[in-house]
Amino acid sequence: MTAHPAAAFKILTADQWAAWQRAGSFAGASIDLTDGYIHLSSVDTAAETFEKYFADQSNLVVVEVELEKLGDTVKWEPSRGGALFPHVYGTVPRSAVGRVWEEGVDKALFEGLAAERR
């Protein structure tokens, strides 16, 4: 059995983050709602996710999600190129949020987070 990281990351807009804080939980962005689960990225895949889907956007926030607080709603499933991604089948409560970055959200942020783990 592969050991998975204890945390994963959600990249979202400042408006989505504000709504999450007001509601106390996050049910997902439009792509999450369409796919039926909340897309998260591991520290190893977050930079690529940022580059592929968010590089041309501003007012972004990165939220670190403490996966152990989500129990069995987290499923690690293959996606891009067979890499495993954490998908949340349910909502993510505010209490499962660790660190939050509301400034300086760019590829270098994710590269730094990956370097922290080494």
Protein backbone atom coordinates (compact mmCIF):
# COMPACT_ATOMS: atom_id res chain seq x y z
CA MET A 1 0.00 0.00 0.00
CA THR A 2 1.32 3.42 -0.98
CA ALA A 3 1.57 6.05 1.73
CA HIS A 4 -0.14 9.22 0.59
CA PRO A 5 0.72 12.75 1.75
CA ALA A 6 -1.12 14.09 4.78
CA ALA A 7 -2.11 17.27 2.93
CA ALA A 8 -3.16 18.36 -0.54
CA PHE A 9 -3.87 21.70 -2.16
CA LYS A 10 -6.87 23.44 -3.69
CA ILE A 11 -6.33 26.39 -6.01
CA LEU A 12 -9.34 28.66 -6.12
CA THR A 13 -10.40 32.25 -6.62
CA ALA A 14 -10.52 34.76 -3.80
CA ASP A 15 -14.31 34.86 -4.18
CA GLN A 16 -14.55 31.07 -3.82
CA TRP A 17 -12.36 31.21 -0.71
CA ALA A 18 -14.50 33.99 0.80
CA ALA A 19 -17.64 31.93 0.14
CA TRP A 20 -15.98 28.85 1.73
CA GLN A 21 -15.21 30.85 4.86
CA ARG A 22 -18.75 32.26 5.06
CA ALA A 23 -20.39 28.86 4.54
CA GLY A 24 -17.98 26.96 6.76
CA SER A 25 -17.44 24.31 4.09
CA PHE A 26 -16.63 23.98 0.39
CA ALA A 27 -18.76 21.92 -1.99
CA GLY A 28 -16.57 22.63 -4.99
CA ALA A 29 -15.94 24.94 -7.91
CA SER A 30 -17.99 24.49 -11.09
CA ILE A 31 -15.60 21.84 -12.50
CA ASP A 32 -15.82 19.93 -9.21
CA LEU A 33 -19.61 20.01 -9.25
CA THR A 34 -19.64 18.83 -12.88
CA ASP A 35 -17.23 15.96 -12.17
CA GLY A 36 -18.91 14.93 -8.91
CA TYR A 37 -15.88 15.39 -6.66
CA ILE A 38 -13.55 18.13 -5.46
CA HIS A 39 -10.25 18.17 -7.32
CA LEU A 40 -7.18 18.57 -5.12
CA SER A 41 -3.50 18.36 -6.04
CA SER A 42 -0.64 16.78 -4.17
CA VAL A 43 2.48 18.80 -3.58
CA ASP A 44 4.04 16.94 -6.52
CA THR A 45 1.26 17.81 -8.98
CA ALA A 46 0.21 21.29 -7.82
CA ALA A 47 2.69 23.24 -10.00
CA GLU A 48 1.48 21.46 -13.13
CA THR A 49 -2.16 22.00 -12.13
CA PHE A 50 -1.43 25.70 -11.63
CA GLU A 51 0.30 26.00 -15.02
CA LYS A 52 -2.38 24.06 -16.87
CA TYR A 53 -5.51 25.64 -15.40
CA PHE A 54 -4.71 28.81 -13.45
CA ALA A 55 -1.57 30.55 -14.78
CA ASP A 56 -3.55 33.22 -16.64
CA GLN A 57 -5.77 34.08 -13.66
CA SER A 58 -5.32 36.59 -10.86
CA ASN A 59 -6.82 36.86 -7.36
CA LEU A 60 -6.02 33.24 -6.62
CA VAL A 61 -5.82 31.58 -3.23
CA VAL A 62 -4.18 28.28 -2.33
CA VAL A 63 -5.61 26.27 0.53
CA GLU A 64 -3.80 23.38 2.17
CA VAL A 65 -6.30 20.64 3.04
CA GLU A 66 -5.47 18.25 5.87
CA LEU A 67 -6.66 14.99 4.33
CA GLU A 68 -6.86 12.96 7.53
CA LYS A 69 -9.69 15.26 8.65
CA LEU A 70 -11.76 14.16 5.65
CA GLY A 71 -11.75 10.44 6.41
CA ASP A 72 -12.89 8.09 3.69
CA THR A 73 -14.31 10.87 1.49
CA VAL A 74 -10.80 11.14 -0.06
CA LYS A 75 -9.99 8.77 -2.91
CA TRP A 76 -6.62 8.75 -4.65
CA GLU A 77 -7.37 8.22 -8.33
CA PRO A 78 -5.30 8.29 -11.52
CA SER A 79 -5.60 11.32 -13.74
CA ARG A 80 -3.08 13.19 -15.92
CA GLY A 81 -0.54 10.69 -17.20
CA GLY A 82 -1.56 8.15 -14.58
CA ALA A 83 -0.49 10.35 -11.64
CA LEU A 84 -2.62 9.86 -8.53
CA PHE A 85 -4.72 12.81 -7.41
CA PRO A 86 -6.78 13.20 -4.24
CA HIS A 87 -10.47 13.58 -5.04
CA VAL A 88 -12.95 14.46 -2.31
CA TYR A 89 -16.40 12.92 -2.59
CA GLY A 90 -18.16 15.28 -0.24
CA THR A 91 -17.57 18.74 1.16
CA VAL A 92 -14.42 20.10 2.77
CA PRO A 93 -15.08 21.79 6.12
CA ARG A 94 -13.14 24.92 7.08
CA SER A 95 -11.74 22.91 10.00
CA ALA A 96 -9.79 20.75 7.51
CA VAL A 97 -7.87 23.77 6.20
CA GLY A 98 -4.26 24.19 7.26
CA ARG A 99 -2.18 26.92 5.68
CA VAL A 100 -3.65 29.47 3.27
CA TRP A 101 -1.80 31.59 0.71
CA GLU A 102 -3.71 34.67 -0.43
CA GLU A 103 -0.73 36.38 -2.08
CA GLY A 104 2.15 35.26 -4.25
CA VAL A 105 0.24 32.40 -5.87
CA ASP A 106 2.45 31.34 -8.76
CA LYS A 107 4.42 28.34 -9.96
CA ALA A 108 7.33 29.25 -7.65
CA LEU A 109 5.03 28.85 -4.62
CA PHE A 110 4.34 25.23 -5.56
CA GLU A 111 7.98 24.54 -6.35
CA GLY A 112 8.85 25.86 -2.88
CA LEU A 113 6.23 23.64 -1.25
CA ALA A 114 7.62 20.62 -3.08
CA ALA A 115 11.13 21.53 -1.91
CA GLU A 116 9.87 21.75 1.71
CA ARG A 117 8.90 18.11 1.53
CA ARG A 118 12.33 16.91 0.44
